[in-house]
Amino acid sequence: MAETQRYVISILLQNESGALARVATMFAIRGFNIESLVVAPTEDESVSRLTLVTHCTERMIGQLSKQILKLIDVVALADRTSAEHVEREIGLLKFRVDPTAAKEMLEHVEQHEGRVLDDELAHLTVEIAGEEASIDHFLENLPEGVRVLSVVRSGPLVIARGPSTLQDG
């Protein structure tokens, strides 16, 4: 059996009712799980960029990509997995911090280039942006006396390096 891997796919999609549902249905009826999904407007208000992460085989992603491109609402699709790209994720994280751990926690946030959004220790809210692994590292290495209350993550935002755009492939 072929080995699965993580794939990051960018899709330009017409802003039409049901367009996102049609893409998601392509995954669902084939038994694929969408691990992460980010959709937002682009510089063209009639088009949105959809970035999704899934795990499957190379053969499966190739077949799925061809089928997605056949959908009427799809303008363009690019597999960003192995292409040169910039990938970032945003995490909004809420913690309960013991007063004895406050200084160490604020240093931890600063070391990870985070931003404190609400500095009440009963529910310290922090914003962290970076690669998925850096947010994971931040969460895995919290100081003693800090308890996670809530984690909200955006999933990856991906853009090609250099002059390439999604319309270029």
N, C-alpha and C. Protein backbone atom coordinates (compact mmCIF):
# COMPACT_ATOMS: atom_id res chain seq x y z
N MET A 1 0.84 -1.19 0.00
CA MET A 1 0.00 0.00 0.00
C MET A 1 0.88 1.25 0.00
N ALA A 2 0.52 2.23 -0.82
CA ALA A 2 1.29 3.46 -0.94
C ALA A 2 1.19 4.28 0.36
N GLU A 3 2.25 4.98 0.66
CA GLU A 3 2.31 5.78 1.88
C GLU A 3 1.60 7.11 1.70
N THR A 4 0.85 7.51 2.72
CA THR A 4 0.18 8.80 2.66
C THR A 4 1.13 9.89 3.15
N GLN A 5 0.87 11.09 2.70
CA GLN A 5 1.64 12.24 3.16
C GLN A 5 0.73 13.45 3.23
N ARG A 6 1.24 14.52 3.82
CA ARG A 6 0.50 15.76 3.96
C ARG A 6 0.56 16.54 2.65
N TYR A 7 -0.61 16.98 2.18
CA TYR A 7 -0.68 17.80 0.98
C TYR A 7 -1.33 19.13 1.31
N VAL A 8 -0.77 20.21 0.74
CA VAL A 8 -1.32 21.55 0.88
C VAL A 8 -1.76 21.98 -0.52
N ILE A 9 -3.06 22.22 -0.67
CA ILE A 9 -3.64 22.56 -1.96
C ILE A 9 -4.23 23.96 -1.89
N SER A 10 -3.95 24.79 -2.90
CA SER A 10 -4.56 26.12 -3.02
C SER A 10 -5.52 26.07 -4.20
N ILE A 11 -6.70 26.63 -4.00
CA ILE A 11 -7.73 26.63 -5.04
C ILE A 11 -8.32 28.04 -5.13
N LEU A 12 -8.42 28.56 -6.34
CA LEU A 12 -9.18 29.78 -6.56
C LEU A 12 -10.58 29.36 -6.94
N LEU A 13 -11.56 29.95 -6.28
CA LEU A 13 -12.94 29.52 -6.39
C LEU A 13 -13.85 30.72 -6.59
N GLN A 14 -14.80 30.62 -7.52
CA GLN A 14 -15.77 31.69 -7.71
C GLN A 14 -16.57 31.88 -6.43
N ASN A 15 -16.88 33.12 -6.09
CA ASN A 15 -17.72 33.40 -4.92
C ASN A 15 -19.18 33.16 -5.30
N GLU A 16 -19.55 31.91 -5.35
CA GLU A 16 -20.92 31.52 -5.70
C GLU A 16 -21.48 30.63 -4.60
N SER A 17 -22.76 30.72 -4.38
CA SER A 17 -23.42 29.89 -3.39
C SER A 17 -23.19 28.41 -3.71
N GLY A 18 -22.71 27.65 -2.73
CA GLY A 18 -22.51 26.22 -2.89
C GLY A 18 -21.15 25.81 -3.44
N ALA A 19 -20.32 26.77 -3.84
CA ALA A 19 -19.02 26.43 -4.45
C ALA A 19 -18.13 25.67 -3.45
N LEU A 20 -18.03 26.18 -2.23
CA LEU A 20 -17.21 25.50 -1.22
C LEU A 20 -17.79 24.13 -0.90
N ALA A 21 -19.09 24.02 -0.82
CA ALA A 21 -19.73 22.73 -0.53
C ALA A 21 -19.41 21.71 -1.61
N ARG A 22 -19.35 22.14 -2.86
CA ARG A 22 -19.03 21.20 -3.95
C ARG A 22 -17.59 20.68 -3.83
N VAL A 23 -16.67 21.53 -3.45
CA VAL A 23 -15.29 21.09 -3.25
C VAL A 23 -15.22 20.13 -2.06
N ALA A 24 -15.84 20.50 -0.96
CA ALA A 24 -15.81 19.63 0.23
C ALA A 24 -16.46 18.29 -0.05
N THR A 25 -17.52 18.29 -0.84
CA THR A 25 -18.20 17.04 -1.20
C THR A 25 -17.29 16.12 -1.99
N MET A 26 -16.44 16.69 -2.85
CA MET A 26 -15.48 15.88 -3.63
C MET A 26 -14.59 15.09 -2.67
N PHE A 27 -14.21 15.69 -1.58
CA PHE A 27 -13.38 15.01 -0.59
C PHE A 27 -14.19 13.97 0.17
N ALA A 28 -15.37 14.37 0.61
CA ALA A 28 -16.20 13.50 1.46
C ALA A 28 -16.61 12.22 0.74
N ILE A 29 -17.06 12.32 -0.50
CA ILE A 29 -17.55 11.12 -1.17
C ILE A 29 -16.42 10.15 -1.53
N ARG A 30 -15.19 10.64 -1.48
CA ARG A 30 -14.04 9.78 -1.73
C ARG A 30 -13.37 9.34 -0.44
N GLY A 31 -13.94 9.71 0.69
CA GLY A 31 -13.43 9.28 1.98
C GLY A 31 -12.19 10.01 2.46
N PHE A 32 -11.94 11.21 1.93
CA PHE A 32 -10.79 12.01 2.36
C PHE A 32 -11.20 12.91 3.51
N ASN A 33 -10.31 13.08 4.47
CA ASN A 33 -10.52 14.02 5.55
C ASN A 33 -9.81 15.32 5.20
N ILE A 34 -10.50 16.42 5.37
CA ILE A 34 -9.87 17.74 5.23
C ILE A 34 -9.39 18.11 6.62
N GLU A 35 -8.07 18.13 6.80
CA GLU A 35 -7.47 18.41 8.11
C GLU A 35 -7.61 19.88 8.47
N SER A 36 -7.47 20.74 7.46
CA SER A 36 -7.53 22.18 7.68
C SER A 36 -8.11 22.82 6.43
N LEU A 37 -8.91 23.87 6.64
CA LEU A 37 -9.55 24.56 5.53
C LEU A 37 -9.62 26.04 5.85
N VAL A 38 -9.03 26.86 4.99
CA VAL A 38 -9.06 28.31 5.15
C VAL A 38 -9.60 28.89 3.85
N VAL A 39 -10.62 29.73 3.95
CA VAL A 39 -11.20 30.37 2.77
C VAL A 39 -11.30 31.86 3.06
N ALA A 40 -10.86 32.68 2.10
CA ALA A 40 -10.93 34.13 2.27
C ALA A 40 -10.94 34.80 0.90
N PRO A 41 -11.46 36.03 0.85
CA PRO A 41 -11.48 36.77 -0.42
C PRO A 41 -10.07 37.05 -0.92
N THR A 42 -9.96 37.29 -2.22
CA THR A 42 -8.68 37.66 -2.83
C THR A 42 -8.76 39.12 -3.28
N GLU A 43 -7.76 39.53 -4.05
CA GLU A 43 -7.76 40.89 -4.60
C GLU A 43 -8.91 41.09 -5.59
N ASP A 44 -9.46 39.99 -6.11
CA ASP A 44 -10.62 40.02 -7.01
C ASP A 44 -11.84 39.61 -6.19
N GLU A 45 -12.76 40.52 -5.97
CA GLU A 45 -13.89 40.24 -5.08
C GLU A 45 -14.82 39.13 -5.58
N SER A 46 -14.68 38.71 -6.82
CA SER A 46 -15.53 37.63 -7.34
C SER A 46 -14.91 36.25 -7.09
N VAL A 47 -13.69 36.23 -6.53
CA VAL A 47 -12.96 34.98 -6.34
C VAL A 47 -12.43 34.90 -4.91
N SER A 48 -12.48 33.70 -4.33
CA SER A 48 -11.88 33.44 -3.02
C SER A 48 -10.76 32.42 -3.18
N ARG A 49 -9.81 32.47 -2.25
CA ARG A 49 -8.73 31.48 -2.21
C ARG A 49 -9.05 30.50 -1.10
N LEU A 50 -9.02 29.24 -1.45
CA LEU A 50 -9.25 28.16 -0.51
C LEU A 50 -7.92 27.44 -0.34
N THR A 51 -7.47 27.30 0.88
CA THR A 51 -6.25 26.54 1.17
C THR A 51 -6.66 25.38 2.06
N LEU A 52 -6.34 24.17 1.62
CA LEU A 52 -6.70 23.01 2.43
C LEU A 52 -5.53 22.07 2.59
N VAL A 53 -5.58 21.34 3.70
CA VAL A 53 -4.56 20.34 4.02
C VAL A 53 -5.27 19.01 4.16
N THR A 54 -4.69 17.98 3.54
CA THR A 54 -5.22 16.63 3.65
C THR A 54 -4.06 15.65 3.65
N HIS A 55 -4.32 14.42 4.04
CA HIS A 55 -3.33 13.35 3.99
C HIS A 55 -3.85 12.28 3.03
N CYS A 56 -3.03 11.92 2.05
CA CYS A 56 -3.40 10.87 1.11
C CYS A 56 -2.15 10.47 0.33
N THR A 57 -2.33 9.60 -0.65
CA THR A 57 -1.21 9.18 -1.49
C THR A 57 -1.06 10.15 -2.66
N GLU A 58 0.07 10.11 -3.31
CA GLU A 58 0.32 10.96 -4.47
C GLU A 58 -0.69 10.68 -5.58
N ARG A 59 -0.98 9.41 -5.79
CA ARG A 59 -1.94 9.01 -6.83
C ARG A 59 -3.33 9.58 -6.52
N MET A 60 -3.74 9.47 -5.24
CA MET A 60 -5.05 9.97 -4.84
C MET A 60 -5.16 11.48 -5.03
N ILE A 61 -4.14 12.23 -4.63
CA ILE A 61 -4.21 13.69 -4.75
C ILE A 61 -4.23 14.09 -6.21
N GLY A 62 -3.54 13.35 -7.06
CA GLY A 62 -3.56 13.63 -8.49
C GLY A 62 -4.96 13.45 -9.07
N GLN A 63 -5.60 12.36 -8.71
CA GLN A 63 -6.96 12.10 -9.20
C GLN A 63 -7.94 13.14 -8.66
N LEU A 64 -7.84 13.43 -7.39
CA LEU A 64 -8.74 14.39 -6.77
C LEU A 64 -8.56 15.79 -7.38
N SER A 65 -7.32 16.18 -7.62
CA SER A 65 -7.04 17.49 -8.22
C SER A 65 -7.69 17.60 -9.60
N LYS A 66 -7.58 16.56 -10.41
CA LYS A 66 -8.20 16.57 -11.75
C LYS A 66 -9.71 16.71 -11.64
N GLN A 67 -10.31 16.02 -10.68
CA GLN A 67 -11.77 16.09 -10.52
C GLN A 67 -12.21 17.46 -10.00
N ILE A 68 -11.45 18.04 -9.11
CA ILE A 68 -11.79 19.37 -8.59
C ILE A 68 -11.71 20.40 -9.70
N LEU A 69 -10.69 20.30 -10.55
CA LEU A 69 -10.56 21.25 -11.66
C LEU A 69 -11.74 21.20 -12.62
N LYS A 70 -12.47 20.10 -12.64
CA LYS A 70 -13.64 19.99 -13.51
C LYS A 70 -14.87 20.72 -12.95
N LEU A 71 -14.84 21.06 -11.67
CA LEU A 71 -15.97 21.78 -11.08
C LEU A 71 -16.09 23.16 -11.71
N ILE A 72 -17.29 23.57 -12.02
CA ILE A 72 -17.52 24.82 -12.74
C ILE A 72 -17.05 26.05 -11.97
N ASP A 73 -17.10 26.00 -10.63
CA ASP A 73 -16.72 27.16 -9.81
C ASP A 73 -15.21 27.30 -9.61
N VAL A 74 -14.44 26.29 -9.98
CA VAL A 74 -13.00 26.31 -9.73
C VAL A 74 -12.28 27.05 -10.87
N VAL A 75 -11.52 28.09 -10.48
CA VAL A 75 -10.78 28.90 -11.43
C VAL A 75 -9.38 28.33 -11.64
N ALA A 76 -8.73 27.92 -10.56
CA ALA A 76 -7.37 27.39 -10.63
C ALA A 76 -7.09 26.54 -9.40
N LEU A 77 -6.12 25.64 -9.54
CA LEU A 77 -5.72 24.76 -8.43
C LEU A 77 -4.21 24.56 -8.52
N ALA A 78 -3.56 24.57 -7.37
CA ALA A 78 -2.12 24.29 -7.32
C ALA A 78 -1.80 23.47 -6.09
N ASP A 79 -1.01 22.42 -6.27
CA ASP A 79 -0.49 21.64 -5.15
C ASP A 79 0.77 22.34 -4.68
N ARG A 80 0.71 22.94 -3.51
CA ARG A 80 1.83 23.71 -2.97
C ARG A 80 2.77 22.86 -2.13
N THR A 81 2.49 21.58 -2.01
CA THR A 81 3.23 20.71 -1.11
C THR A 81 4.73 20.76 -1.34
N SER A 82 5.16 20.54 -2.56
CA SER A 82 6.60 20.48 -2.83
C SER A 82 7.11 21.73 -3.54
N ALA A 83 6.22 22.65 -3.88
CA ALA A 83 6.63 23.90 -4.53
C ALA A 83 7.19 24.86 -3.49
N GLU A 84 8.04 25.75 -3.91
CA GLU A 84 8.58 26.77 -3.01
C GLU A 84 7.44 27.68 -2.57
N HIS A 85 7.21 27.75 -1.26
CA HIS A 85 6.13 28.57 -0.75
C HIS A 85 6.43 29.04 0.67
N VAL A 86 5.66 30.02 1.08
CA VAL A 86 5.70 30.52 2.45
C VAL A 86 4.43 30.01 3.11
N GLU A 87 4.57 29.43 4.29
CA GLU A 87 3.43 28.87 5.00
C GLU A 87 3.43 29.40 6.43
N ARG A 88 2.30 29.97 6.84
CA ARG A 88 2.15 30.49 8.18
C ARG A 88 0.78 30.12 8.73
N GLU A 89 0.73 30.02 10.04
CA GLU A 89 -0.52 29.73 10.74
C GLU A 89 -0.63 30.73 11.88
N ILE A 90 -1.84 31.05 12.26
CA ILE A 90 -2.07 31.95 13.38
C ILE A 90 -2.77 31.17 14.48
N GLY A 91 -2.30 31.36 15.70
CA GLY A 91 -2.94 30.73 16.85
C GLY A 91 -3.38 31.79 17.83
N LEU A 92 -4.64 31.71 18.24
CA LEU A 92 -5.14 32.52 19.34
C LEU A 92 -5.29 31.56 20.51
N LEU A 93 -4.56 31.82 21.58
CA LEU A 93 -4.42 30.87 22.67
C LEU A 93 -4.78 31.53 23.99
N LYS A 94 -5.57 30.84 24.79
CA LYS A 94 -5.98 31.38 26.09
C LYS A 94 -5.45 30.47 27.19
N PHE A 95 -4.85 31.09 28.22
CA PHE A 95 -4.22 30.35 29.31
C PHE A 95 -4.68 30.88 30.65
N ARG A 96 -4.62 30.02 31.65
CA ARG A 96 -4.72 30.44 33.04
C ARG A 96 -3.28 30.37 33.55
N VAL A 97 -2.81 31.46 34.15
CA VAL A 97 -1.41 31.56 34.57
C VAL A 97 -1.35 31.83 36.07
N ASP A 98 -0.69 30.92 36.81
CA ASP A 98 -0.44 31.17 38.23
C ASP A 98 0.42 32.43 38.35
N PRO A 99 0.16 33.26 39.34
CA PRO A 99 0.97 34.48 39.51
C PRO A 99 2.47 34.20 39.57
N THR A 100 2.86 33.04 40.11
CA THR A 100 4.29 32.71 40.20
C THR A 100 4.90 32.41 38.83
N ALA A 101 4.07 32.13 37.83
CA ALA A 101 4.57 31.79 36.48
C ALA A 101 4.41 32.94 35.49
N ALA A 102 3.87 34.07 35.95
CA ALA A 102 3.55 35.18 35.03
C ALA A 102 4.77 35.69 34.27
N LYS A 103 5.85 35.97 34.99
CA LYS A 103 7.04 36.52 34.34
C LYS A 103 7.60 35.53 33.31
N GLU A 104 7.70 34.27 33.70
CA GLU A 104 8.24 33.24 32.80
C GLU A 104 7.34 33.06 31.57
N MET A 105 6.02 33.15 31.77
CA MET A 105 5.10 33.00 30.64
C MET A 105 5.24 34.17 29.68
N LEU A 106 5.35 35.38 30.19
CA LEU A 106 5.51 36.54 29.32
C LEU A 106 6.83 36.46 28.55
N GLU A 107 7.87 35.94 29.16
CA GLU A 107 9.15 35.73 28.46
C GLU A 107 8.99 34.66 27.37
N HIS A 108 8.22 33.62 27.68
CA HIS A 108 7.96 32.54 26.70
C HIS A 108 7.23 33.11 25.48
N VAL A 109 6.26 33.96 25.71
CA VAL A 109 5.52 34.60 24.61
C VAL A 109 6.48 35.45 23.78
N GLU A 110 7.32 36.24 24.45
CA GLU A 110 8.27 37.11 23.77
C GLU A 110 9.28 36.30 22.95
N GLN A 111 9.78 35.19 23.50
CA GLN A 111 10.74 34.34 22.78
C GLN A 111 10.15 33.78 21.50
N HIS A 112 8.84 33.58 21.48
CA HIS A 112 8.17 33.02 20.29
C HIS A 112 7.53 34.12 19.43
N GLU A 113 7.94 35.37 19.70
CA GLU A 113 7.46 36.52 18.95
C GLU A 113 5.94 36.61 18.94
N GLY A 114 5.35 36.26 20.07
CA GLY A 114 3.91 36.34 20.21
C GLY A 114 3.48 37.71 20.69
N ARG A 115 2.19 37.89 20.74
CA ARG A 115 1.60 39.14 21.19
C ARG A 115 0.56 38.85 22.25
N VAL A 116 0.62 39.55 23.35
CA VAL A 116 -0.38 39.43 24.40
C VAL A 116 -1.57 40.31 23.99
N LEU A 117 -2.75 39.69 23.91
CA LEU A 117 -3.95 40.41 23.50
C LEU A 117 -4.82 40.78 24.70
N ASP A 118 -4.73 40.01 25.77
CA ASP A 118 -5.48 40.25 27.00
C ASP A 118 -4.60 39.74 28.13
N ASP A 119 -4.10 40.65 28.95
CA ASP A 119 -3.08 40.26 29.92
C ASP A 119 -3.61 39.99 31.33
N GLU A 120 -4.88 39.69 31.46
CA GLU A 120 -5.40 39.30 32.76
C GLU A 120 -4.99 37.85 33.00
N LEU A 121 -4.27 37.57 34.10
CA LEU A 121 -3.71 36.25 34.33
C LEU A 121 -4.77 35.14 34.42
N ALA A 122 -5.97 35.50 34.81
CA ALA A 122 -7.03 34.50 34.91
C ALA A 122 -7.38 33.94 33.52
N HIS A 123 -7.09 34.73 32.49
CA HIS A 123 -7.33 34.27 31.12
C HIS A 123 -6.45 35.05 30.14
N LEU A 124 -5.16 34.80 30.23
CA LEU A 124 -4.17 35.43 29.36
C LEU A 124 -4.40 34.97 27.93
N THR A 125 -4.62 35.91 27.01
CA THR A 125 -4.85 35.58 25.61
C THR A 125 -3.66 36.05 24.79
N VAL A 126 -3.16 35.12 23.96
CA VAL A 126 -1.94 35.35 23.21
C VAL A 126 -2.17 35.02 21.74
N GLU A 127 -1.52 35.78 20.88
CA GLU A 127 -1.52 35.51 19.44
C GLU A 127 -0.11 35.06 19.06
N ILE A 128 -0.03 33.93 18.37
CA ILE A 128 1.25 33.41 17.87
C ILE A 128 1.09 33.17 16.37
N ALA A 129 2.05 33.62 15.59
CA ALA A 129 2.03 33.36 14.15
C ALA A 129 3.35 32.71 13.77
N GLY A 130 3.27 31.72 12.89
CA GLY A 130 4.48 31.05 12.43
C GLY A 130 4.13 29.74 11.77
N GLU A 131 5.14 28.94 11.57
CA GLU A 131 4.91 27.62 11.00
C GLU A 131 4.20 26.75 12.04
N GLU A 132 3.49 25.75 11.56
CA GLU A 132 2.74 24.86 12.42
C GLU A 132 3.62 24.30 13.55
N ALA A 133 4.83 23.92 13.21
CA ALA A 133 5.75 23.34 14.20
C ALA A 133 6.12 24.34 15.29
N SER A 134 6.24 25.62 14.95
CA SER A 134 6.61 26.61 15.97
C SER A 134 5.47 26.85 16.95
N ILE A 135 4.23 26.79 16.47
CA ILE A 135 3.09 26.92 17.38
C ILE A 135 3.00 25.69 18.27
N ASP A 136 3.21 24.50 17.67
CA ASP A 136 3.24 23.27 18.45
C ASP A 136 4.31 23.36 19.54
N HIS A 137 5.50 23.83 19.18
CA HIS A 137 6.61 23.96 20.12
C HIS A 137 6.25 24.91 21.26
N PHE A 138 5.62 26.02 20.92
CA PHE A 138 5.19 26.98 21.94
C PHE A 138 4.28 26.29 22.96
N LEU A 139 3.30 25.55 22.46
CA LEU A 139 2.33 24.88 23.34
C LEU A 139 2.94 23.73 24.14
N GLU A 140 3.90 23.04 23.56
CA GLU A 140 4.51 21.88 24.23
C GLU A 140 5.50 22.28 25.33
N ASN A 141 5.92 23.54 25.34
CA ASN A 141 6.96 23.98 26.27
C ASN A 141 6.50 25.12 27.17
N LEU A 142 5.26 25.06 27.59
CA LEU A 142 4.74 26.08 28.49
C LEU A 142 5.40 25.97 29.86
N PRO A 143 5.59 27.08 30.53
CA PRO A 143 6.16 27.04 31.87
C PRO A 143 5.23 26.34 32.86
N GLU A 144 5.81 25.82 33.93
CA GLU A 144 5.02 25.25 35.04
C GLU A 144 4.07 26.32 35.55
N GLY A 145 2.86 25.93 35.89
CA GLY A 145 1.89 26.88 36.41
C GLY A 145 1.04 27.54 35.34
N VAL A 146 1.16 27.07 34.11
CA VAL A 146 0.35 27.61 33.01
C VAL A 146 -0.54 26.49 32.49
N ARG A 147 -1.83 26.78 32.40
CA ARG A 147 -2.79 25.78 31.93
C ARG A 147 -3.51 26.31 30.69
N VAL A 148 -3.58 25.50 29.65
CA VAL A 148 -4.27 25.88 28.42
C VAL A 148 -5.77 25.85 28.68
N LEU A 149 -6.44 26.96 28.34
CA LEU A 149 -7.89 27.03 28.46
C LEU A 149 -8.57 26.85 27.11
N SER A 150 -7.94 27.39 26.05
CA SER A 150 -8.54 27.31 24.73
C SER A 150 -7.48 27.52 23.65
N VAL A 151 -7.62 26.77 22.56
CA VAL A 151 -6.72 26.90 21.41
C VAL A 151 -7.56 27.07 20.16
N VAL A 152 -7.30 28.16 19.42
CA VAL A 152 -7.96 28.40 18.14
C VAL A 152 -6.84 28.61 17.12
N ARG A 153 -6.81 27.73 16.10
CA ARG A 153 -5.75 27.83 15.09
C ARG A 153 -6.37 28.01 13.71
N SER A 154 -5.70 28.81 12.90
CA SER A 154 -6.24 29.13 11.58
C SER A 154 -6.07 28.01 10.56
N GLY A 155 -5.10 27.15 10.77
CA GLY A 155 -4.68 26.27 9.68
C GLY A 155 -3.72 27.08 8.82
N PRO A 156 -2.99 26.41 7.93
CA PRO A 156 -1.96 27.13 7.19
C PRO A 156 -2.52 28.10 6.15
N LEU A 157 -1.86 29.22 6.05
CA LEU A 157 -2.04 30.17 4.96
C LEU A 157 -0.80 30.01 4.09
N VAL A 158 -0.98 29.84 2.79
CA VAL A 158 0.13 29.48 1.91
C VAL A 158 0.15 30.38 0.69
N ILE A 159 1.35 30.84 0.32
CA ILE A 159 1.52 31.62 -0.90
C ILE A 159 2.84 31.20 -1.54
N ALA A 160 2.85 31.15 -2.87
CA ALA A 160 4.06 30.76 -3.61
C ALA A 160 5.15 31.80 -3.42
N ARG A 161 6.39 31.35 -3.40
CA ARG A 161 7.52 32.27 -3.37
C ARG A 161 7.74 32.84 -4.76
N GLY A 162 8.38 34.01 -4.81
CA GLY A 162 8.73 34.60 -6.09
C GLY A 162 7.54 35.17 -6.82
N PRO A 163 7.67 35.33 -8.14
CA PRO A 163 6.62 36.00 -8.93
C PRO A 163 5.40 35.14 -9.23
N SER A 164 5.47 33.85 -8.94
CA SER A 164 4.39 32.93 -9.27
C SER A 164 3.10 33.28 -8.52
N THR A 165 1.97 33.14 -9.22
CA THR A 165 0.65 33.30 -8.59
C THR A 165 -0.10 32.00 -8.82
N LEU A 166 -1.24 31.88 -8.17
CA LEU A 166 -2.02 30.67 -8.31
C LEU A 166 -2.47 30.44 -9.75
N GLN A 167 -2.76 31.50 -10.46
CA GLN A 167 -3.16 31.36 -11.86
C GLN A 167 -2.02 30.78 -12.70
N ASP A 168 -0.77 30.96 -12.25
CA ASP A 168 0.40 30.42 -12.97
C ASP A 168 0.57 28.93 -12.71
N GLY A 169 -0.12 28.40 -11.68
CA GLY A 169 0.01 26.98 -11.32
C GLY A 169 0.91 26.78 -10.24
